[in-house]
Amino acid sequence: MLSFFTKGLLSVWFLLAQAFLSAFTWGSIWGLAIRNLGKHTKLGSALLLMTLISYALAPIIFGKLIDINPLNPNIAVLMIVPTYLFLYYYGKIGYRIENWTSKI
């Protein structure tokens, strides 16, 4: 959000810091996501690896959002807010859910 509310080079630095700090959360989320999967641990790990595709698609979507609104490129930063809200939820509460189908 700091990248959204600032402008210029400072906004870019906040965005780079966010990407750097995301690397630290990946290991934590990975461990929480595959715990207690038992015989499904390999499948769970494979599905997590497939989520890395989003790292290839996100810059394309980010660039398209900037192209759509070149006068206010900070709007593109808002695309990552839902992702981090879900990561916050999962890190605080979501990892404790044993059966996701009953919670949806």
PDB file of N, CA and C in Angstrom:
ATOM      1  N   MET A   1       0.824  -1.195   0.000  1.00  0.00           N
ATOM      2  CA  MET A   1       0.000   0.000   0.000  1.00  0.00           C
ATOM      3  C   MET A   1       0.868   1.258   0.000  1.00  0.00           C
ATOM      4  N   LEU A   2       2.081   1.149   0.581  1.00  0.00           N
ATOM      5  CA  LEU A   2       2.972   2.310   0.558  1.00  0.00           C
ATOM      6  C   LEU A   2       3.356   2.676  -0.872  1.00  0.00           C
ATOM      7  N   SER A   3       3.494   1.670  -1.724  1.00  0.00           N
ATOM      8  CA  SER A   3       3.798   1.937  -3.121  1.00  0.00           C
ATOM      9  C   SER A   3       2.639   2.647  -3.813  1.00  0.00           C
ATOM     10  N   PHE A   4       1.431   2.330  -3.407  1.00  0.00           N
ATOM     11  CA  PHE A   4       0.250   2.971  -3.996  1.00  0.00           C
ATOM     12  C   PHE A   4       0.146   4.433  -3.587  1.00  0.00           C
ATOM     13  N   PHE A   5       0.440   4.729  -2.332  1.00  0.00           N
ATOM     14  CA  PHE A   5       0.242   6.077  -1.822  1.00  0.00           C
ATOM     15  C   PHE A   5       1.430   7.011  -2.032  1.00  0.00           C
ATOM     16  N   THR A   6       2.515   6.509  -2.578  1.00  0.00           N
ATOM     17  CA  THR A   6       3.661   7.365  -2.881  1.00  0.00           C
ATOM     18  C   THR A   6       3.819   7.477  -4.392  1.00  0.00           C
ATOM     19  N   LYS A   7       4.721   8.347  -4.813  1.00  0.00           N
ATOM     20  CA  LYS A   7       4.932   8.549  -6.244  1.00  0.00           C
ATOM     21  C   LYS A   7       6.419   8.517  -6.558  1.00  0.00           C
ATOM     22  N   GLY A   8       6.700   8.302  -7.820  1.00  0.00           N
ATOM     23  CA  GLY A   8       8.061   8.369  -8.300  1.00  0.00           C
ATOM     24  C   GLY A   8       8.927   7.211  -7.847  1.00  0.00           C
ATOM     25  N   LEU A   9      10.193   7.513  -7.623  1.00  0.00           N
ATOM     26  CA  LEU A   9      11.177   6.498  -7.287  1.00  0.00           C
ATOM     27  C   LEU A   9      10.889   5.835  -5.939  1.00  0.00           C
ATOM     28  N   LEU A  10      10.344   6.584  -5.015  1.00  0.00           N
ATOM     29  CA  LEU A  10      10.006   6.005  -3.713  1.00  0.00           C
ATOM     30  C   LEU A  10       8.975   4.884  -3.866  1.00  0.00           C
ATOM     31  N   SER A  11       8.010   5.084  -4.735  1.00  0.00           N
ATOM     32  CA  SER A  11       7.001   4.074  -5.011  1.00  0.00           C
ATOM     33  C   SER A  11       7.646   2.804  -5.580  1.00  0.00           C
ATOM     34  N   VAL A  12       8.597   2.982  -6.461  1.00  0.00           N
ATOM     35  CA  VAL A  12       9.314   1.842  -7.048  1.00  0.00           C
ATOM     36  C   VAL A  12      10.096   1.093  -5.978  1.00  0.00           C
ATOM     37  N   TRP A  13      10.736   1.819  -5.078  1.00  0.00           N
ATOM     38  CA  TRP A  13      11.498   1.174  -4.001  1.00  0.00           C
ATOM     39  C   TRP A  13      10.591   0.375  -3.072  1.00  0.00           C
ATOM     40  N   PHE A  14       9.420   0.910  -2.782  1.00  0.00           N
ATOM     41  CA  PHE A  14       8.469   0.156  -1.957  1.00  0.00           C
ATOM     42  C   PHE A  14       8.015  -1.123  -2.668  1.00  0.00           C
ATOM     43  N   LEU A  15       7.803  -1.033  -3.968  1.00  0.00           N
ATOM     44  CA  LEU A  15       7.394  -2.204  -4.739  1.00  0.00           C
ATOM     45  C   LEU A  15       8.509  -3.259  -4.763  1.00  0.00           C
ATOM     46  N   LEU A  16       9.742  -2.823  -4.899  1.00  0.00           N
ATOM     47  CA  LEU A  16      10.881  -3.754  -4.861  1.00  0.00           C
ATOM     48  C   LEU A  16      11.030  -4.388  -3.482  1.00  0.00           C
ATOM     49  N   ALA A  17      10.816  -3.609  -2.442  1.00  0.00           N
ATOM     50  CA  ALA A  17      10.890  -4.152  -1.080  1.00  0.00           C
ATOM     51  C   ALA A  17       9.793  -5.199  -0.866  1.00  0.00           C
ATOM     52  N   GLN A  18       8.627  -4.948  -1.396  1.00  0.00           N
ATOM     53  CA  GLN A  18       7.524  -5.917  -1.293  1.00  0.00           C
ATOM     54  C   GLN A  18       7.901  -7.219  -1.970  1.00  0.00           C
ATOM     55  N   ALA A  19       8.486  -7.149  -3.134  1.00  0.00           N
ATOM     56  CA  ALA A  19       8.888  -8.361  -3.848  1.00  0.00           C
ATOM     57  C   ALA A  19       9.973  -9.112  -3.070  1.00  0.00           C
ATOM     58  N   PHE A  20      10.900  -8.392  -2.488  1.00  0.00           N
ATOM     59  CA  PHE A  20      11.968  -9.006  -1.704  1.00  0.00           C
ATOM     60  C   PHE A  20      11.401  -9.714  -0.473  1.00  0.00           C
ATOM     61  N   LEU A  21      10.491  -9.052   0.226  1.00  0.00           N
ATOM     62  CA  LEU A  21       9.905  -9.637   1.435  1.00  0.00           C
ATOM     63  C   LEU A  21       8.982 -10.805   1.114  1.00  0.00           C
ATOM     64  N   SER A  22       8.429 -10.836  -0.088  1.00  0.00           N
ATOM     65  CA  SER A  22       7.598 -11.966  -0.492  1.00  0.00           C
ATOM     66  C   SER A  22       8.392 -13.263  -0.519  1.00  0.00           C
ATOM     67  N   ALA A  23       9.660 -13.164  -0.823  1.00  0.00           N
ATOM     68  CA  ALA A  23      10.505 -14.355  -0.853  1.00  0.00           C
ATOM     69  C   ALA A  23      10.566 -15.014   0.525  1.00  0.00           C
ATOM     70  N   PHE A  24      10.513 -14.229   1.573  1.00  0.00           N
ATOM     71  CA  PHE A  24      10.546 -14.786   2.924  1.00  0.00           C
ATOM     72  C   PHE A  24       9.231 -15.461   3.300  1.00  0.00           C
ATOM     73  N   THR A  25       8.125 -14.930   2.824  1.00  0.00           N
ATOM     74  CA  THR A  25       6.837 -15.539   3.160  1.00  0.00           C
ATOM     75  C   THR A  25       6.628 -16.860   2.428  1.00  0.00           C
ATOM     76  N   TRP A  26       7.250 -17.029   1.268  1.00  0.00           N
ATOM     77  CA  TRP A  26       7.045 -18.244   0.477  1.00  0.00           C
ATOM     78  C   TRP A  26       7.400 -19.502   1.275  1.00  0.00           C
ATOM     79  N   GLY A  27       8.513 -19.500   1.946  1.00  0.00           N
ATOM     80  CA  GLY A  27       8.919 -20.662   2.732  1.00  0.00           C
ATOM     81  C   GLY A  27       7.959 -20.975   3.857  1.00  0.00           C
ATOM     82  N   SER A  28       7.439 -19.966   4.493  1.00  0.00           N
ATOM     83  CA  SER A  28       6.480 -20.171   5.582  1.00  0.00           C
ATOM     84  C   SER A  28       5.161 -20.724   5.063  1.00  0.00           C
ATOM     85  N   ILE A  29       4.665 -20.132   4.014  1.00  0.00           N
ATOM     86  CA  ILE A  29       3.398 -20.583   3.449  1.00  0.00           C
ATOM     87  C   ILE A  29       3.540 -22.005   2.920  1.00  0.00           C
ATOM     88  N   TRP A  30       4.662 -22.323   2.297  1.00  0.00           N
ATOM     89  CA  TRP A  30       4.896 -23.671   1.770  1.00  0.00           C
ATOM     90  C   TRP A  30       4.785 -24.697   2.903  1.00  0.00           C
ATOM     91  N   GLY A  31       5.475 -24.436   3.989  1.00  0.00           N
ATOM     92  CA  GLY A  31       5.446 -25.369   5.113  1.00  0.00           C
ATOM     93  C   GLY A  31       4.061 -25.533   5.706  1.00  0.00           C
ATOM     94  N   LEU A  32       3.334 -24.432   5.835  1.00  0.00           N
ATOM     95  CA  LEU A  32       1.982 -24.511   6.372  1.00  0.00           C
ATOM     96  C   LEU A  32       1.035 -25.245   5.421  1.00  0.00           C
ATOM     97  N   ALA A  33       1.236 -25.048   4.131  1.00  0.00           N
ATOM     98  CA  ALA A  33       0.317 -25.618   3.149  1.00  0.00           C
ATOM     99  C   ALA A  33       0.469 -27.129   2.999  1.00  0.00           C
ATOM    100  N   ILE A  34       1.672 -27.650   3.149  1.00  0.00           N
ATOM    101  CA  ILE A  34       1.845 -29.090   2.926  1.00  0.00           C
ATOM    102  C   ILE A  34       1.865 -29.904   4.213  1.00  0.00           C
ATOM    103  N   ARG A  35       1.717 -29.260   5.351  1.00  0.00           N
ATOM    104  CA  ARG A  35       1.734 -30.014   6.598  1.00  0.00           C
ATOM    105  C   ARG A  35       0.506 -30.914   6.673  1.00  0.00           C
ATOM    106  N   ASN A  36       0.688 -32.050   7.239  1.00  0.00           N
ATOM    107  CA  ASN A  36      -0.381 -33.028   7.465  1.00  0.00           C
ATOM    108  C   ASN A  36      -1.101 -33.478   6.193  1.00  0.00           C
ATOM    109  N   LEU A  37      -0.437 -33.419   5.041  1.00  0.00           N
ATOM    110  CA  LEU A  37      -1.076 -33.903   3.821  1.00  0.00           C
ATOM    111  C   LEU A  37      -0.924 -35.415   3.661  1.00  0.00           C
ATOM    112  N   GLY A  38      -0.019 -35.988   4.422  1.00  0.00           N
ATOM    113  CA  GLY A  38       0.164 -37.435   4.367  1.00  0.00           C
ATOM    114  C   GLY A  38       0.549 -37.920   2.984  1.00  0.00           C
ATOM    115  N   LYS A  39      -0.248 -38.844   2.438  1.00  0.00           N
ATOM    116  CA  LYS A  39       0.066 -39.418   1.131  1.00  0.00           C
ATOM    117  C   LYS A  39      -0.126 -38.416  -0.009  1.00  0.00           C
ATOM    118  N   HIS A  40      -0.737 -37.274   0.269  1.00  0.00           N
ATOM    119  CA  HIS A  40      -0.974 -36.260  -0.759  1.00  0.00           C
ATOM    120  C   HIS A  40       0.085 -35.156  -0.759  1.00  0.00           C
ATOM    121  N   THR A  41       1.167 -35.352  -0.007  1.00  0.00           N
ATOM    122  CA  THR A  41       2.208 -34.325   0.088  1.00  0.00           C
ATOM    123  C   THR A  41       2.831 -34.033  -1.272  1.00  0.00           C
ATOM    124  N   LYS A  42       3.087 -35.066  -2.068  1.00  0.00           N
ATOM    125  CA  LYS A  42       3.685 -34.839  -3.394  1.00  0.00           C
ATOM    126  C   LYS A  42       2.750 -34.030  -4.284  1.00  0.00           C
ATOM    127  N   LEU A  43       1.470 -34.349  -4.263  1.00  0.00           N
ATOM    128  CA  LEU A  43       0.502 -33.612  -5.069  1.00  0.00           C
ATOM    129  C   LEU A  43       0.387 -32.165  -4.580  1.00  0.00           C
ATOM    130  N   GLY A  44       0.331 -31.980  -3.276  1.00  0.00           N
ATOM    131  CA  GLY A  44       0.261 -30.629  -2.726  1.00  0.00           C
ATOM    132  C   GLY A  44       1.471 -29.794  -3.105  1.00  0.00           C
ATOM    133  N   SER A  45       2.645 -30.397  -3.051  1.00  0.00           N
ATOM    134  CA  SER A  45       3.862 -29.682  -3.444  1.00  0.00           C
ATOM    135  C   SER A  45       3.840 -29.337  -4.926  1.00  0.00           C
ATOM    136  N   ALA A  46       3.360 -30.266  -5.742  1.00  0.00           N
ATOM    137  CA  ALA A  46       3.286 -30.010  -7.187  1.00  0.00           C
ATOM    138  C   ALA A  46       2.328 -28.863  -7.491  1.00  0.00           C
ATOM    139  N   LEU A  47       1.193 -28.840  -6.798  1.00  0.00           N
ATOM    140  CA  LEU A  47       0.236 -27.750  -7.019  1.00  0.00           C
ATOM    141  C   LEU A  47       0.817 -26.407  -6.588  1.00  0.00           C
ATOM    142  N   LEU A  48       1.566 -26.403  -5.494  1.00  0.00           N
ATOM    143  CA  LEU A  48       2.212 -25.158  -5.067  1.00  0.00           C
ATOM    144  C   LEU A  48       3.238 -24.685  -6.094  1.00  0.00           C
ATOM    145  N   LEU A  49       3.959 -25.613  -6.670  1.00  0.00           N
ATOM    146  CA  LEU A  49       4.924 -25.229  -7.710  1.00  0.00           C
ATOM    147  C   LEU A  49       4.223 -24.637  -8.926  1.00  0.00           C
ATOM    148  N   MET A  50       3.051 -25.154  -9.243  1.00  0.00           N
ATOM    149  CA  MET A  50       2.309 -24.625 -10.388  1.00  0.00           C
ATOM    150  C   MET A  50       1.822 -23.197 -10.142  1.00  0.00           C
ATOM    151  N   THR A  51       1.679 -22.815  -8.884  1.00  0.00           N
ATOM    152  CA  THR A  51       1.265 -21.441  -8.609  1.00  0.00           C
ATOM    153  C   THR A  51       2.340 -20.434  -9.003  1.00  0.00           C
ATOM    154  N   LEU A  52       3.545 -20.898  -9.193  1.00  0.00           N
ATOM    155  CA  LEU A  52       4.613 -19.992  -9.624  1.00  0.00           C
ATOM    156  C   LEU A  52       4.354 -19.427 -11.013  1.00  0.00           C
ATOM    157  N   ILE A  53       3.434 -20.044 -11.757  1.00  0.00           N
ATOM    158  CA  ILE A  53       3.056 -19.502 -13.057  1.00  0.00           C
ATOM    159  C   ILE A  53       2.533 -18.081 -12.900  1.00  0.00           C
ATOM    160  N   SER A  54       1.902 -17.808 -11.767  1.00  0.00           N
ATOM    161  CA  SER A  54       1.385 -16.456 -11.544  1.00  0.00           C
ATOM    162  C   SER A  54       2.506 -15.423 -11.538  1.00  0.00           C
ATOM    163  N   TYR A  55       3.712 -15.841 -11.169  1.00  0.00           N
ATOM    164  CA  TYR A  55       4.838 -14.907 -11.211  1.00  0.00           C
ATOM    165  C   TYR A  55       5.191 -14.527 -12.640  1.00  0.00           C
ATOM    166  N   ALA A  56       4.822 -15.381 -13.594  1.00  0.00           N
ATOM    167  CA  ALA A  56       5.053 -15.053 -14.999  1.00  0.00           C
ATOM    168  C   ALA A  56       3.913 -14.224 -15.564  1.00  0.00           C
ATOM    169  N   LEU A  57       2.705 -14.428 -15.071  1.00  0.00           N
ATOM    170  CA  LEU A  57       1.547 -13.704 -15.590  1.00  0.00           C
ATOM    171  C   LEU A  57       1.369 -12.331 -14.948  1.00  0.00           C
ATOM    172  N   ALA A  58       1.753 -12.198 -13.705  1.00  0.00           N
ATOM    173  CA  ALA A  58       1.548 -10.937 -12.986  1.00  0.00           C
ATOM    174  C   ALA A  58       2.195  -9.735 -13.679  1.00  0.00           C
ATOM    175  N   PRO A  59       3.440  -9.820 -14.154  1.00  0.00           N
ATOM    176  CA  PRO A  59       4.014  -8.640 -14.825  1.00  0.00           C
ATOM    177  C   PRO A  59       3.264  -8.252 -16.098  1.00  0.00           C
ATOM    178  N   ILE A  60       2.701  -9.234 -16.792  1.00  0.00           N
ATOM    179  CA  ILE A  60       1.934  -8.929 -18.001  1.00  0.00           C
ATOM    180  C   ILE A  60       0.665  -8.168 -17.629  1.00  0.00           C
ATOM    181  N   ILE A  61      -0.034  -8.646 -16.612  1.00  0.00           N
ATOM    182  CA  ILE A  61      -1.256  -7.973 -16.153  1.00  0.00           C
ATOM    183  C   ILE A  61      -0.922  -6.598 -15.588  1.00  0.00           C
ATOM    184  N   PHE A  62       0.161  -6.525 -14.826  1.00  0.00           N
ATOM    185  CA  PHE A  62       0.614  -5.255 -14.246  1.00  0.00           C
ATOM    186  C   PHE A  62       0.886  -4.229 -15.348  1.00  0.00           C
ATOM    187  N   GLY A  63       1.611  -4.646 -16.377  1.00  0.00           N
ATOM    188  CA  GLY A  63       1.917  -3.751 -17.499  1.00  0.00           C
ATOM    189  C   GLY A  63       0.666  -3.321 -18.241  1.00  0.00           C
ATOM    190  N   LYS A  64      -0.288  -4.243 -18.413  1.00  0.00           N
ATOM    191  CA  LYS A  64      -1.536  -3.911 -19.103  1.00  0.00           C
ATOM    192  C   LYS A  64      -2.338  -2.878 -18.305  1.00  0.00           C
ATOM    193  N   LEU A  65      -2.355  -3.037 -16.983  1.00  0.00           N
ATOM    194  CA  LEU A  65      -3.053  -2.059 -16.143  1.00  0.00           C
ATOM    195  C   LEU A  65      -2.411  -0.673 -16.243  1.00  0.00           C
ATOM    196  N   ILE A  66      -1.100  -0.627 -16.345  1.00  0.00           N
ATOM    197  CA  ILE A  66      -0.414   0.662 -16.515  1.00  0.00           C
ATOM    198  C   ILE A  66      -0.725   1.249 -17.885  1.00  0.00           C
ATOM    199  N   ASP A  67      -0.773   0.394 -18.930  1.00  0.00           N
ATOM    200  CA  ASP A  67      -1.121   0.878 -20.270  1.00  0.00           C
ATOM    201  C   ASP A  67      -2.531   1.449 -20.319  1.00  0.00           C
ATOM    202  N   ILE A  68      -3.446   0.843 -19.576  1.00  0.00           N
ATOM    203  CA  ILE A  68      -4.831   1.312 -19.554  1.00  0.00           C
ATOM    204  C   ILE A  68      -4.939   2.669 -18.873  1.00  0.00           C
ATOM    205  N   ASN A  69      -4.138   2.901 -17.837  1.00  0.00           N
ATOM    206  CA  ASN A  69      -4.209   4.132 -17.068  1.00  0.00           C
ATOM    207  C   ASN A  69      -2.808   4.732 -16.903  1.00  0.00           C
ATOM    208  N   PRO A  70      -2.235   5.289 -17.973  1.00  0.00           N
ATOM    209  CA  PRO A  70      -0.851   5.788 -17.895  1.00  0.00           C
ATOM    210  C   PRO A  70      -0.675   7.020 -17.002  1.00  0.00           C
ATOM    211  N   LEU A  71      -1.724   7.757 -16.741  1.00  0.00           N
ATOM    212  CA  LEU A  71      -1.590   8.946 -15.903  1.00  0.00           C
ATOM    213  C   LEU A  71      -1.520   8.619 -14.418  1.00  0.00           C
ATOM    214  N   ASN A  72      -1.983   7.444 -14.042  1.00  0.00           N
ATOM    215  CA  ASN A  72      -1.946   7.028 -12.648  1.00  0.00           C
ATOM    216  C   ASN A  72      -1.512   5.561 -12.569  1.00  0.00           C
ATOM    217  N   PRO A  73      -0.230   5.289 -12.775  1.00  0.00           N
ATOM    218  CA  PRO A  73       0.234   3.896 -12.799  1.00  0.00           C
ATOM    219  C   PRO A  73       0.154   3.195 -11.444  1.00  0.00           C
ATOM    220  N   ASN A  74      -0.008   3.952 -10.372  1.00  0.00           N
ATOM    221  CA  ASN A  74      -0.108   3.335  -9.046  1.00  0.00           C
ATOM    222  C   ASN A  74      -1.325   2.424  -8.920  1.00  0.00           C
ATOM    223  N   ILE A  75      -2.325   2.629  -9.754  1.00  0.00           N
ATOM    224  CA  ILE A  75      -3.526   1.791  -9.723  1.00  0.00           C
ATOM    225  C   ILE A  75      -3.144   0.321  -9.945  1.00  0.00           C
ATOM    226  N   ALA A  76      -2.134   0.069 -10.751  1.00  0.00           N
ATOM    227  CA  ALA A  76      -1.716  -1.307 -11.045  1.00  0.00           C
ATOM    228  C   ALA A  76      -1.249  -2.038  -9.786  1.00  0.00           C
ATOM    229  N   VAL A  77      -0.741  -1.303  -8.824  1.00  0.00           N
ATOM    230  CA  VAL A  77      -0.260  -1.910  -7.578  1.00  0.00           C
ATOM    231  C   VAL A  77      -1.411  -2.555  -6.808  1.00  0.00           C
ATOM    232  N   LEU A  78      -2.596  -2.057  -7.000  1.00  0.00           N
ATOM    233  CA  LEU A  78      -3.752  -2.588  -6.278  1.00  0.00           C
ATOM    234  C   LEU A  78      -4.062  -4.040  -6.639  1.00  0.00           C
ATOM    235  N   MET A  79      -3.530  -4.525  -7.768  1.00  0.00           N
ATOM    236  CA  MET A  79      -3.805  -5.913  -8.152  1.00  0.00           C
ATOM    237  C   MET A  79      -3.189  -6.917  -7.175  1.00  0.00           C
ATOM    238  N   ILE A  80      -2.178  -6.507  -6.412  1.00  0.00           N
ATOM    239  CA  ILE A  80      -1.550  -7.447  -5.484  1.00  0.00           C
ATOM    240  C   ILE A  80      -2.196  -7.424  -4.099  1.00  0.00           C
ATOM    241  N   VAL A  81      -3.059  -6.468  -3.841  1.00  0.00           N
ATOM    242  CA  VAL A  81      -3.690  -6.366  -2.519  1.00  0.00           C
ATOM    243  C   VAL A  81      -4.514  -7.612  -2.174  1.00  0.00           C
ATOM    244  N   PRO A  82      -5.390  -8.121  -3.061  1.00  0.00           N
ATOM    245  CA  PRO A  82      -6.143  -9.332  -2.699  1.00  0.00           C
ATOM    246  C   PRO A  82      -5.240 -10.527  -2.394  1.00  0.00           C
ATOM    247  N   THR A  83      -4.151 -10.631  -3.109  1.00  0.00           N
ATOM    248  CA  THR A  83      -3.218 -11.733  -2.874  1.00  0.00           C
ATOM    249  C   THR A  83      -2.642 -11.660  -1.472  1.00  0.00           C
ATOM    250  N   TYR A  84      -2.214 -10.492  -1.066  1.00  0.00           N
ATOM    251  CA  TYR A  84      -1.622 -10.359   0.260  1.00  0.00           C
ATOM    252  C   TYR A  84      -2.666 -10.431   1.374  1.00  0.00           C
ATOM    253  N   LEU A  85      -3.876 -10.028   1.084  1.00  0.00           N
ATOM    254  CA  LEU A  85      -4.944 -10.215   2.071  1.00  0.00           C
ATOM    255  C   LEU A  85      -5.200 -11.703   2.314  1.00  0.00           C
ATOM    256  N   PHE A  86      -5.197 -12.498   1.226  1.00  0.00           N
ATOM    257  CA  PHE A  86      -5.384 -13.936   1.396  1.00  0.00           C
ATOM    258  C   PHE A  86      -4.193 -14.557   2.116  1.00  0.00           C
ATOM    259  N   LEU A  87      -2.980 -14.133   1.789  1.00  0.00           N
ATOM    260  CA  LEU A  87      -1.803 -14.668   2.479  1.00  0.00           C
ATOM    261  C   LEU A  87      -1.854 -14.337   3.971  1.00  0.00           C
ATOM    262  N   TYR A  88      -2.294 -13.151   4.302  1.00  0.00           N
ATOM    263  CA  TYR A  88      -2.433 -12.783   5.711  1.00  0.00           C
ATOM    264  C   TYR A  88      -3.456 -13.684   6.396  1.00  0.00           C
ATOM    265  N   TYR A  89      -4.616 -13.861   5.744  1.00  0.00           N
ATOM    266  CA  TYR A  89      -5.647 -14.731   6.293  1.00  0.00           C
ATOM    267  C   TYR A  89      -5.117 -16.151   6.475  1.00  0.00           C
ATOM    268  N   TYR A  90      -4.456 -16.684   5.461  1.00  0.00           N
ATOM    269  CA  TYR A  90      -3.966 -18.053   5.520  1.00  0.00           C
ATOM    270  C   TYR A  90      -2.905 -18.208   6.603  1.00  0.00           C
ATOM    271  N   GLY A  91      -2.021 -17.240   6.723  1.00  0.00           N
ATOM    272  CA  GLY A  91      -0.976 -17.310   7.735  1.00  0.00           C
ATOM    273  C   GLY A  91      -1.496 -17.188   9.158  1.00  0.00           C
ATOM    274  N   LYS A  92      -2.602 -16.472   9.349  1.00  0.00           N
ATOM    275  CA  LYS A  92      -3.167 -16.290  10.689  1.00  0.00           C
ATOM    276  C   LYS A  92      -4.171 -17.381  11.062  1.00  0.00           C
ATOM    277  N   ILE A  93      -5.078 -17.701  10.143  1.00  0.00           N
ATOM    278  CA  ILE A  93      -6.193 -18.591  10.473  1.00  0.00           C
ATOM    279  C   ILE A  93      -6.309 -19.775   9.503  1.00  0.00           C
ATOM    280  N   GLY A  94      -6.175 -19.499   8.230  1.00  0.00           N
ATOM    281  CA  GLY A  94      -6.495 -20.475   7.194  1.00  0.00           C
ATOM    282  C   GLY A  94      -5.729 -21.774   7.263  1.00  0.00           C
ATOM    283  N   TYR A  95      -4.480 -21.743   7.706  1.00  0.00           N
ATOM    284  CA  TYR A  95      -3.689 -22.970   7.738  1.00  0.00           C
ATOM    285  C   TYR A  95      -4.224 -23.972   8.757  1.00  0.00           C
ATOM    286  N   ARG A  96      -5.043 -23.514   9.695  1.00  0.00           N
ATOM    287  CA  ARG A  96      -5.604 -24.405  10.713  1.00  0.00           C
ATOM    288  C   ARG A  96      -6.801 -25.203  10.214  1.00  0.00           C
ATOM    289  N   ILE A  97      -7.387 -24.788   9.099  1.00  0.00           N
ATOM    290  CA  ILE A  97      -8.572 -25.459   8.576  1.00  0.00           C
ATOM    291  C   ILE A  97      -8.173 -26.831   8.050  1.00  0.00           C
ATOM    292  N   GLU A  98      -8.811 -27.852   8.549  1.00  0.00           N
ATOM    293  CA  GLU A  98      -8.487 -29.230   8.149  1.00  0.00           C
ATOM    294  C   GLU A  98      -9.230 -29.646   6.894  1.00  0.00           C
ATOM    295  N   ASN A  99     -10.445 -29.128   6.684  1.00  0.00           N
ATOM    296  CA  ASN A  99     -11.244 -29.528   5.539  1.00  0.00           C
ATOM    297  C   ASN A  99     -11.820 -28.266   4.889  1.00  0.00           C
ATOM    298  N   TRP A 100     -11.249 -27.835   3.773  1.00  0.00           N
ATOM    299  CA  TRP A 100     -11.668 -26.597   3.129  1.00  0.00           C
ATOM    300  C   TRP A 100     -13.075 -26.680   2.550  1.00  0.00           C
ATOM    301  N   THR A 101     -13.530 -27.857   2.184  1.00  0.00           N
ATOM    302  CA  THR A 101     -14.851 -27.959   1.568  1.00  0.00           C
ATOM    303  C   THR A 101     -15.959 -27.611   2.539  1.00  0.00           C
ATOM    304  N   SER A 102     -15.753 -27.854   3.812  1.00  0.00           N
ATOM    305  CA  SER A 102     -16.792 -27.531   4.786  1.00  0.00           C
ATOM    306  C   SER A 102     -16.799 -26.044   5.150  1.00  0.00           C
ATOM    307  N   LYS A 103     -15.750 -25.311   4.810  1.00  0.00           N
ATOM    308  CA  LYS A 103     -15.643 -23.891   5.168  1.00  0.00           C
ATOM    309  C   LYS A 103     -16.052 -22.965   4.037  1.00  0.00           C
ATOM    310  N   ILE A 104     -16.246 -23.493   2.857  1.00  0.00           N
ATOM    311  CA  ILE A 104     -16.558 -22.639   1.691  1.00  0.00           C
ATOM    312  C   ILE A 104     -18.024 -22.399   1.572  1.00  0.00           C
TER     313      ILE A 104
END
